[in-house]
């Protein structure tokens, strides 16, 4: 399964994007501020430009695992259905614990990727419903042994 994130609006405190699954539009996304980081940049450069908990994921291609339980979300009721095992991007240079998860506003991202519908300026709504639908598709792909990856484009 190939996810593609196309960033469409870069604002001072947030970034709005569109998420596609195998080239078909699925939902909108919300990230922190895009600071122009790319996966091919030197680690030291990324560390110097990054603002912890307030920086969008560097552009590039990342594999995703569905098998790691999030210490933060494992006991939250919204994630009971998946036992807190939320999609985790692997090997994001200069970042740790980058997840796809539920949330509505820039304060909810903490460097991660939120999914929903961008019907409110600077936010995504219907995030829980959207996340559950996305998770079901990703879980099925993982159970079928498919590699899951995401390409993040500017």
N, C-alpha and C. Protein backbone atom coordinates (compact mmCIF):
# COMPACT_ATOMS: atom_id res chain seq x y z
N UNK A 1 0.85 -1.17 0.00
CA UNK A 1 0.00 0.00 0.00
C UNK A 1 0.89 1.23 0.00
N UNK A 2 0.61 2.13 -0.92
CA UNK A 2 1.39 3.36 -1.02
C UNK A 2 0.51 4.56 -0.67
N UNK A 3 0.89 5.25 0.39
CA UNK A 3 0.25 6.50 0.74
C UNK A 3 1.08 7.64 0.16
N UNK A 4 0.41 8.68 -0.28
CA UNK A 4 1.09 9.87 -0.76
C UNK A 4 0.47 11.07 -0.09
N UNK A 5 1.31 11.92 0.48
CA UNK A 5 0.86 13.15 1.11
C UNK A 5 1.33 14.32 0.27
N UNK A 6 0.38 15.11 -0.22
CA UNK A 6 0.70 16.31 -1.00
C UNK A 6 0.32 17.52 -0.16
N UNK A 7 1.32 18.27 0.24
CA UNK A 7 1.07 19.47 1.04
C UNK A 7 0.52 20.56 0.13
N UNK A 8 -0.58 21.18 0.57
CA UNK A 8 -1.23 22.17 -0.29
C UNK A 8 -1.30 23.56 0.33
N UNK A 9 -1.12 23.68 1.64
CA UNK A 9 -1.18 24.99 2.29
C UNK A 9 -0.18 25.03 3.43
N UNK A 10 0.81 25.89 3.29
CA UNK A 10 1.84 26.07 4.32
C UNK A 10 1.61 27.39 5.01
N UNK A 11 1.25 27.33 6.26
CA UNK A 11 1.00 28.54 7.05
C UNK A 11 2.04 28.64 8.15
N UNK A 12 2.01 29.74 8.88
CA UNK A 12 3.04 29.98 9.90
C UNK A 12 3.04 28.92 11.00
N UNK A 13 1.85 28.43 11.38
CA UNK A 13 1.78 27.50 12.51
C UNK A 13 1.24 26.11 12.16
N UNK A 14 0.96 25.87 10.89
CA UNK A 14 0.44 24.56 10.50
C UNK A 14 0.61 24.34 9.00
N UNK A 15 0.41 23.08 8.59
CA UNK A 15 0.48 22.70 7.18
C UNK A 15 -0.70 21.78 6.88
N UNK A 16 -1.43 22.09 5.81
CA UNK A 16 -2.55 21.27 5.37
C UNK A 16 -2.12 20.46 4.15
N UNK A 17 -2.54 19.21 4.11
CA UNK A 17 -2.21 18.36 2.97
C UNK A 17 -3.38 17.49 2.56
N UNK A 18 -3.16 16.76 1.49
CA UNK A 18 -4.13 15.78 1.02
C UNK A 18 -3.44 14.43 1.00
N UNK A 19 -4.12 13.43 1.55
CA UNK A 19 -3.59 12.08 1.62
C UNK A 19 -4.27 11.20 0.59
N UNK A 20 -3.44 10.49 -0.17
CA UNK A 20 -3.93 9.58 -1.21
C UNK A 20 -3.50 8.16 -0.85
N UNK A 21 -4.36 7.20 -1.16
CA UNK A 21 -4.02 5.79 -1.01
C UNK A 21 -3.99 5.20 -2.41
N UNK A 22 -2.83 4.69 -2.80
CA UNK A 22 -2.66 4.14 -4.14
C UNK A 22 -3.23 5.09 -5.20
N UNK A 23 -2.87 6.37 -5.07
CA UNK A 23 -3.20 7.45 -6.00
C UNK A 23 -4.66 7.90 -5.97
N UNK A 24 -5.44 7.45 -5.01
CA UNK A 24 -6.84 7.87 -4.88
C UNK A 24 -6.96 8.72 -3.62
N UNK A 25 -7.54 9.92 -3.77
CA UNK A 25 -7.70 10.82 -2.62
C UNK A 25 -8.47 10.11 -1.51
N UNK A 26 -7.97 10.23 -0.29
CA UNK A 26 -8.64 9.62 0.87
C UNK A 26 -9.12 10.66 1.88
N UNK A 27 -8.24 11.60 2.28
CA UNK A 27 -8.63 12.57 3.30
C UNK A 27 -7.66 13.74 3.31
N UNK A 28 -7.92 14.69 4.18
CA UNK A 28 -7.03 15.82 4.40
C UNK A 28 -6.14 15.51 5.60
N UNK A 29 -5.04 16.26 5.70
CA UNK A 29 -4.10 16.08 6.80
C UNK A 29 -3.74 17.41 7.42
N UNK A 30 -3.26 17.34 8.65
CA UNK A 30 -2.75 18.50 9.37
C UNK A 30 -1.41 18.13 9.97
N UNK A 31 -0.43 18.99 9.74
CA UNK A 31 0.90 18.82 10.33
C UNK A 31 1.32 20.15 10.94
N UNK A 32 2.46 20.11 11.61
CA UNK A 32 3.06 21.33 12.14
C UNK A 32 3.65 22.15 10.99
N UNK A 33 4.35 23.20 11.34
CA UNK A 33 4.96 24.11 10.38
C UNK A 33 5.96 23.38 9.48
N UNK A 34 5.82 23.60 8.17
CA UNK A 34 6.77 23.04 7.20
C UNK A 34 8.00 23.95 7.19
N UNK A 35 9.12 23.42 7.63
CA UNK A 35 10.36 24.20 7.70
C UNK A 35 11.30 23.87 6.54
N UNK A 36 10.74 23.25 5.47
CA UNK A 36 11.52 22.98 4.28
C UNK A 36 12.51 21.84 4.41
N UNK A 37 12.28 20.95 5.37
CA UNK A 37 13.21 19.83 5.59
C UNK A 37 12.94 18.71 4.59
N UNK A 38 14.03 18.03 4.20
CA UNK A 38 13.96 16.89 3.30
C UNK A 38 14.75 15.73 3.89
N UNK A 39 14.30 14.54 3.58
CA UNK A 39 14.94 13.32 4.07
C UNK A 39 16.41 13.22 3.65
N UNK A 40 16.77 13.81 2.52
CA UNK A 40 18.14 13.70 2.03
C UNK A 40 19.09 14.74 2.63
N UNK A 41 18.62 15.58 3.53
CA UNK A 41 19.48 16.57 4.19
C UNK A 41 20.31 15.92 5.29
N UNK A 42 21.41 16.56 5.62
CA UNK A 42 22.27 16.08 6.69
C UNK A 42 21.54 16.16 8.03
N UNK A 43 21.77 15.18 8.89
CA UNK A 43 21.12 15.11 10.19
C UNK A 43 21.34 16.38 11.00
N UNK A 44 22.55 16.90 11.01
CA UNK A 44 22.84 18.11 11.80
C UNK A 44 22.04 19.30 11.31
N UNK A 45 21.87 19.41 10.00
CA UNK A 45 21.07 20.51 9.44
C UNK A 45 19.61 20.39 9.90
N UNK A 46 19.08 19.17 9.82
CA UNK A 46 17.69 18.94 10.26
C UNK A 46 17.54 19.29 11.73
N UNK A 47 18.47 18.85 12.55
CA UNK A 47 18.40 19.13 13.99
C UNK A 47 18.44 20.63 14.27
N UNK A 48 19.22 21.37 13.49
CA UNK A 48 19.32 22.82 13.69
C UNK A 48 18.06 23.57 13.26
N UNK A 49 17.37 23.09 12.23
CA UNK A 49 16.16 23.74 11.71
C UNK A 49 14.89 23.32 12.46
N UNK A 50 14.92 22.12 13.01
CA UNK A 50 13.73 21.55 13.65
C UNK A 50 13.42 22.27 14.96
N UNK A 51 12.12 22.51 15.17
CA UNK A 51 11.62 22.98 16.46
C UNK A 51 10.84 21.80 17.04
N UNK A 52 11.31 21.25 18.15
CA UNK A 52 10.71 20.04 18.72
C UNK A 52 9.20 20.20 18.92
N UNK A 53 8.45 19.22 18.41
CA UNK A 53 7.00 19.21 18.57
C UNK A 53 6.27 20.23 17.73
N UNK A 54 6.98 20.96 16.86
CA UNK A 54 6.35 22.00 16.04
C UNK A 54 6.91 22.03 14.62
N UNK A 55 7.36 20.90 14.12
CA UNK A 55 7.95 20.84 12.79
C UNK A 55 7.35 19.69 12.00
N UNK A 56 6.95 19.99 10.76
CA UNK A 56 6.41 18.97 9.87
C UNK A 56 7.49 17.95 9.52
N UNK A 57 7.05 16.76 9.18
CA UNK A 57 7.91 15.65 8.80
C UNK A 57 8.70 16.04 7.54
N UNK A 58 10.00 15.75 7.50
CA UNK A 58 10.76 16.04 6.27
C UNK A 58 10.16 15.30 5.07
N UNK A 59 10.18 15.95 3.91
CA UNK A 59 9.70 15.28 2.71
C UNK A 59 10.57 14.07 2.43
N UNK A 60 9.98 13.08 1.78
CA UNK A 60 10.70 11.86 1.46
C UNK A 60 9.76 10.67 1.51
N UNK A 61 10.34 9.48 1.43
CA UNK A 61 9.56 8.24 1.46
C UNK A 61 9.92 7.45 2.71
N UNK A 62 8.90 6.98 3.42
CA UNK A 62 9.08 6.27 4.69
C UNK A 62 8.24 5.01 4.71
N UNK A 63 8.80 3.94 5.24
CA UNK A 63 8.01 2.74 5.52
C UNK A 63 7.20 2.99 6.78
N UNK A 64 6.10 2.29 6.89
CA UNK A 64 5.20 2.42 8.04
C UNK A 64 5.00 1.06 8.67
N UNK A 65 5.08 1.02 9.99
CA UNK A 65 4.77 -0.21 10.71
C UNK A 65 3.45 -0.05 11.46
N UNK A 66 2.75 -1.14 11.59
CA UNK A 66 1.47 -1.16 12.31
C UNK A 66 1.61 -1.96 13.60
N UNK A 67 2.83 -2.36 13.97
CA UNK A 67 3.01 -3.32 15.05
C UNK A 67 3.56 -2.75 16.35
N UNK A 68 3.77 -1.44 16.43
CA UNK A 68 4.34 -0.86 17.64
C UNK A 68 3.24 -0.15 18.44
N UNK A 69 3.13 -0.54 19.69
CA UNK A 69 2.14 0.08 20.56
C UNK A 69 2.67 1.42 21.06
N UNK A 70 1.89 2.45 20.91
CA UNK A 70 2.28 3.78 21.36
C UNK A 70 2.15 3.90 22.87
N UNK A 71 3.23 4.26 23.56
CA UNK A 71 3.12 4.46 25.01
C UNK A 71 2.11 5.56 25.36
N UNK A 72 1.98 6.54 24.49
CA UNK A 72 1.07 7.67 24.74
C UNK A 72 -0.40 7.30 24.53
N UNK A 73 -0.66 6.49 23.51
CA UNK A 73 -2.05 6.23 23.13
C UNK A 73 -2.59 4.86 23.54
N UNK A 74 -1.76 4.01 24.09
CA UNK A 74 -2.21 2.64 24.36
C UNK A 74 -3.35 2.54 25.36
N UNK A 75 -3.50 3.51 26.24
CA UNK A 75 -4.58 3.44 27.23
C UNK A 75 -5.72 4.42 26.95
N UNK A 76 -5.67 5.10 25.84
CA UNK A 76 -6.73 6.06 25.51
C UNK A 76 -7.88 5.34 24.83
N UNK A 77 -9.08 5.68 25.23
CA UNK A 77 -10.27 4.97 24.76
C UNK A 77 -10.45 5.03 23.24
N UNK A 78 -10.06 6.13 22.62
CA UNK A 78 -10.22 6.25 21.17
C UNK A 78 -9.39 5.22 20.40
N UNK A 79 -8.38 4.66 21.06
CA UNK A 79 -7.48 3.70 20.40
C UNK A 79 -7.64 2.28 20.94
N UNK A 80 -8.68 2.03 21.72
CA UNK A 80 -8.90 0.68 22.25
C UNK A 80 -9.03 -0.35 21.13
N UNK A 81 -9.68 0.04 20.03
CA UNK A 81 -9.93 -0.90 18.93
C UNK A 81 -8.64 -1.43 18.30
N UNK A 82 -7.55 -0.67 18.44
CA UNK A 82 -6.27 -1.10 17.84
C UNK A 82 -5.20 -1.34 18.91
N UNK A 83 -5.62 -1.35 20.17
CA UNK A 83 -4.71 -1.60 21.30
C UNK A 83 -3.55 -0.60 21.34
N UNK A 84 -3.82 0.61 20.82
CA UNK A 84 -2.79 1.65 20.82
C UNK A 84 -1.70 1.45 19.79
N UNK A 85 -1.89 0.50 18.90
CA UNK A 85 -0.90 0.26 17.83
C UNK A 85 -1.27 1.13 16.63
N UNK A 86 -0.76 2.36 16.64
CA UNK A 86 -1.08 3.31 15.58
C UNK A 86 0.04 3.30 14.53
N UNK A 87 -0.29 3.68 13.29
CA UNK A 87 0.73 3.68 12.24
C UNK A 87 1.93 4.56 12.62
N UNK A 88 3.14 4.00 12.48
CA UNK A 88 4.38 4.69 12.86
C UNK A 88 5.30 4.76 11.65
N UNK A 89 5.74 5.97 11.32
CA UNK A 89 6.71 6.15 10.24
C UNK A 89 8.09 5.77 10.76
N UNK A 90 8.82 5.02 9.95
CA UNK A 90 10.13 4.52 10.35
C UNK A 90 11.27 5.35 9.75
N UNK A 91 12.32 5.50 10.53
CA UNK A 91 13.56 6.12 10.07
C UNK A 91 13.37 7.54 9.55
N UNK A 92 12.64 8.35 10.31
CA UNK A 92 12.49 9.76 9.98
C UNK A 92 13.69 10.49 10.59
N UNK A 93 14.57 10.94 9.74
CA UNK A 93 15.84 11.53 10.19
C UNK A 93 15.60 12.73 11.12
N UNK A 94 16.15 12.64 12.34
CA UNK A 94 16.04 13.72 13.30
C UNK A 94 14.75 13.73 14.10
N UNK A 95 13.89 12.73 13.87
CA UNK A 95 12.59 12.65 14.54
C UNK A 95 12.45 11.26 15.16
N UNK A 96 11.63 11.15 16.20
CA UNK A 96 11.31 9.86 16.81
C UNK A 96 9.82 9.78 17.09
N UNK A 97 9.26 8.60 16.97
CA UNK A 97 7.86 8.39 17.33
C UNK A 97 6.88 9.15 16.46
N UNK A 98 7.14 9.23 15.16
CA UNK A 98 6.25 9.95 14.26
C UNK A 98 5.10 9.02 13.87
N UNK A 99 3.89 9.45 14.23
CA UNK A 99 2.70 8.63 14.07
C UNK A 99 1.67 9.28 13.16
N UNK A 100 0.74 8.48 12.69
CA UNK A 100 -0.50 8.98 12.10
C UNK A 100 -1.55 8.75 13.18
N UNK A 101 -2.23 9.82 13.61
CA UNK A 101 -3.17 9.65 14.71
C UNK A 101 -4.32 10.66 14.67
N UNK A 102 -5.18 10.56 15.66
CA UNK A 102 -6.36 11.40 15.79
C UNK A 102 -5.97 12.75 16.38
N UNK A 103 -6.61 13.80 15.88
CA UNK A 103 -6.42 15.14 16.41
C UNK A 103 -7.05 16.15 15.47
N UNK A 104 -7.26 17.35 15.97
CA UNK A 104 -7.95 18.36 15.17
C UNK A 104 -7.14 19.61 14.88
N UNK A 105 -6.29 20.00 15.81
CA UNK A 105 -5.64 21.31 15.74
C UNK A 105 -4.12 21.18 15.78
N UNK A 106 -3.40 22.23 15.36
CA UNK A 106 -1.94 22.16 15.39
C UNK A 106 -1.36 21.74 16.74
N UNK A 107 -2.00 22.12 17.83
CA UNK A 107 -1.50 21.73 19.17
C UNK A 107 -1.54 20.21 19.37
N UNK A 108 -2.34 19.52 18.58
CA UNK A 108 -2.48 18.06 18.71
C UNK A 108 -1.42 17.28 17.93
N UNK A 109 -0.68 17.93 17.05
CA UNK A 109 0.20 17.19 16.13
C UNK A 109 1.50 16.73 16.77
N UNK A 110 2.18 17.61 17.48
CA UNK A 110 3.48 17.30 18.09
C UNK A 110 4.43 16.61 17.10
N UNK A 111 4.45 17.09 15.86
CA UNK A 111 5.33 16.53 14.83
C UNK A 111 4.72 15.39 14.05
N UNK A 112 3.54 14.93 14.45
CA UNK A 112 2.90 13.80 13.78
C UNK A 112 1.94 14.25 12.69
N UNK A 113 1.27 13.30 12.10
CA UNK A 113 0.35 13.53 11.01
C UNK A 113 -1.07 13.23 11.48
N UNK A 114 -1.93 14.24 11.40
CA UNK A 114 -3.34 14.08 11.78
C UNK A 114 -4.17 13.94 10.51
N UNK A 115 -5.22 13.13 10.58
CA UNK A 115 -6.09 12.92 9.42
C UNK A 115 -7.51 13.36 9.74
N UNK A 116 -8.22 13.82 8.71
CA UNK A 116 -9.60 14.25 8.88
C UNK A 116 -10.07 15.01 7.65
N UNK A 117 -10.99 15.95 7.89
CA UNK A 117 -11.53 16.78 6.82
C UNK A 117 -11.22 18.23 7.16
N UNK A 118 -10.59 18.94 6.23
CA UNK A 118 -10.21 20.33 6.44
C UNK A 118 -11.38 21.25 6.14
N UNK A 119 -12.39 21.21 7.02
CA UNK A 119 -13.58 22.05 6.87
C UNK A 119 -13.52 23.29 7.74
N UNK A 120 -12.51 23.38 8.59
CA UNK A 120 -12.27 24.54 9.45
C UNK A 120 -10.85 25.01 9.18
N UNK A 121 -10.68 26.31 8.99
CA UNK A 121 -9.35 26.85 8.68
C UNK A 121 -8.35 26.46 9.76
N UNK A 122 -7.23 25.86 9.32
CA UNK A 122 -6.16 25.49 10.23
C UNK A 122 -6.41 24.26 11.07
N UNK A 123 -7.40 23.43 10.66
CA UNK A 123 -7.76 22.25 11.45
C UNK A 123 -8.28 21.15 10.55
N UNK A 124 -8.37 19.94 11.11
CA UNK A 124 -9.07 18.84 10.45
C UNK A 124 -10.15 18.33 11.41
N UNK A 125 -11.34 18.15 10.89
CA UNK A 125 -12.48 17.68 11.68
C UNK A 125 -12.76 16.22 11.31
N UNK A 126 -13.65 15.59 12.06
CA UNK A 126 -14.02 14.18 11.86
C UNK A 126 -12.77 13.28 11.86
N UNK A 127 -11.84 13.61 12.71
CA UNK A 127 -10.56 12.91 12.74
C UNK A 127 -10.69 11.47 13.23
N UNK A 128 -11.48 11.25 14.27
CA UNK A 128 -11.61 9.89 14.80
C UNK A 128 -12.20 8.96 13.75
N UNK A 129 -13.27 9.39 13.11
CA UNK A 129 -13.92 8.58 12.07
C UNK A 129 -12.97 8.34 10.90
N UNK A 130 -12.27 9.37 10.47
CA UNK A 130 -11.33 9.25 9.36
C UNK A 130 -10.18 8.32 9.71
N UNK A 131 -9.64 8.49 10.93
CA UNK A 131 -8.53 7.64 11.35
C UNK A 131 -8.95 6.18 11.36
N UNK A 132 -10.13 5.88 11.88
CA UNK A 132 -10.58 4.48 11.95
C UNK A 132 -10.72 3.87 10.56
N UNK A 133 -11.20 4.65 9.60
CA UNK A 133 -11.33 4.15 8.23
C UNK A 133 -9.95 3.91 7.61
N UNK A 134 -9.04 4.86 7.83
CA UNK A 134 -7.68 4.70 7.31
C UNK A 134 -6.99 3.51 7.97
N UNK A 135 -7.15 3.41 9.28
CA UNK A 135 -6.52 2.31 10.01
C UNK A 135 -7.01 0.96 9.48
N UNK A 136 -8.29 0.83 9.21
CA UNK A 136 -8.84 -0.43 8.71
C UNK A 136 -8.19 -0.82 7.38
N UNK A 137 -8.01 0.14 6.50
CA UNK A 137 -7.37 -0.13 5.22
C UNK A 137 -5.90 -0.53 5.40
N UNK A 138 -5.21 0.19 6.29
CA UNK A 138 -3.80 -0.11 6.53
C UNK A 138 -3.62 -1.45 7.24
N UNK A 139 -4.51 -1.75 8.18
CA UNK A 139 -4.45 -3.02 8.91
C UNK A 139 -4.64 -4.18 7.95
N UNK A 140 -5.60 -4.05 7.04
CA UNK A 140 -5.84 -5.10 6.05
C UNK A 140 -4.60 -5.32 5.19
N UNK A 141 -4.00 -4.24 4.73
CA UNK A 141 -2.79 -4.35 3.91
C UNK A 141 -1.68 -5.04 4.70
N UNK A 142 -1.49 -4.64 5.95
CA UNK A 142 -0.46 -5.26 6.79
C UNK A 142 -0.74 -6.74 7.00
N UNK A 143 -2.00 -7.09 7.26
CA UNK A 143 -2.37 -8.49 7.48
C UNK A 143 -2.17 -9.34 6.23
N UNK A 144 -2.25 -8.70 5.07
CA UNK A 144 -2.01 -9.41 3.81
C UNK A 144 -0.53 -9.47 3.46
N UNK A 145 0.30 -8.91 4.33
CA UNK A 145 1.74 -8.95 4.11
C UNK A 145 2.27 -7.86 3.20
N UNK A 146 1.44 -6.88 2.88
CA UNK A 146 1.88 -5.79 2.01
C UNK A 146 2.80 -4.83 2.76
N UNK A 147 3.77 -4.30 2.07
CA UNK A 147 4.57 -3.21 2.62
C UNK A 147 3.71 -1.95 2.57
N UNK A 148 3.77 -1.17 3.62
CA UNK A 148 3.04 0.10 3.66
C UNK A 148 4.07 1.21 3.73
N UNK A 149 3.93 2.19 2.84
CA UNK A 149 4.86 3.30 2.85
C UNK A 149 4.11 4.60 2.56
N UNK A 150 4.77 5.70 2.86
CA UNK A 150 4.22 7.02 2.59
C UNK A 150 5.30 7.86 1.94
N UNK A 151 4.91 8.57 0.89
CA UNK A 151 5.77 9.56 0.26
C UNK A 151 5.18 10.93 0.56
N UNK A 152 6.00 11.79 1.15
CA UNK A 152 5.56 13.12 1.52
C UNK A 152 6.18 14.10 0.52
N UNK A 153 5.33 14.83 -0.19
CA UNK A 153 5.76 15.79 -1.20
C UNK A 153 5.39 17.21 -0.77
N UNK A 154 6.16 18.16 -1.24
CA UNK A 154 5.77 19.57 -1.06
C UNK A 154 4.96 20.02 -2.23
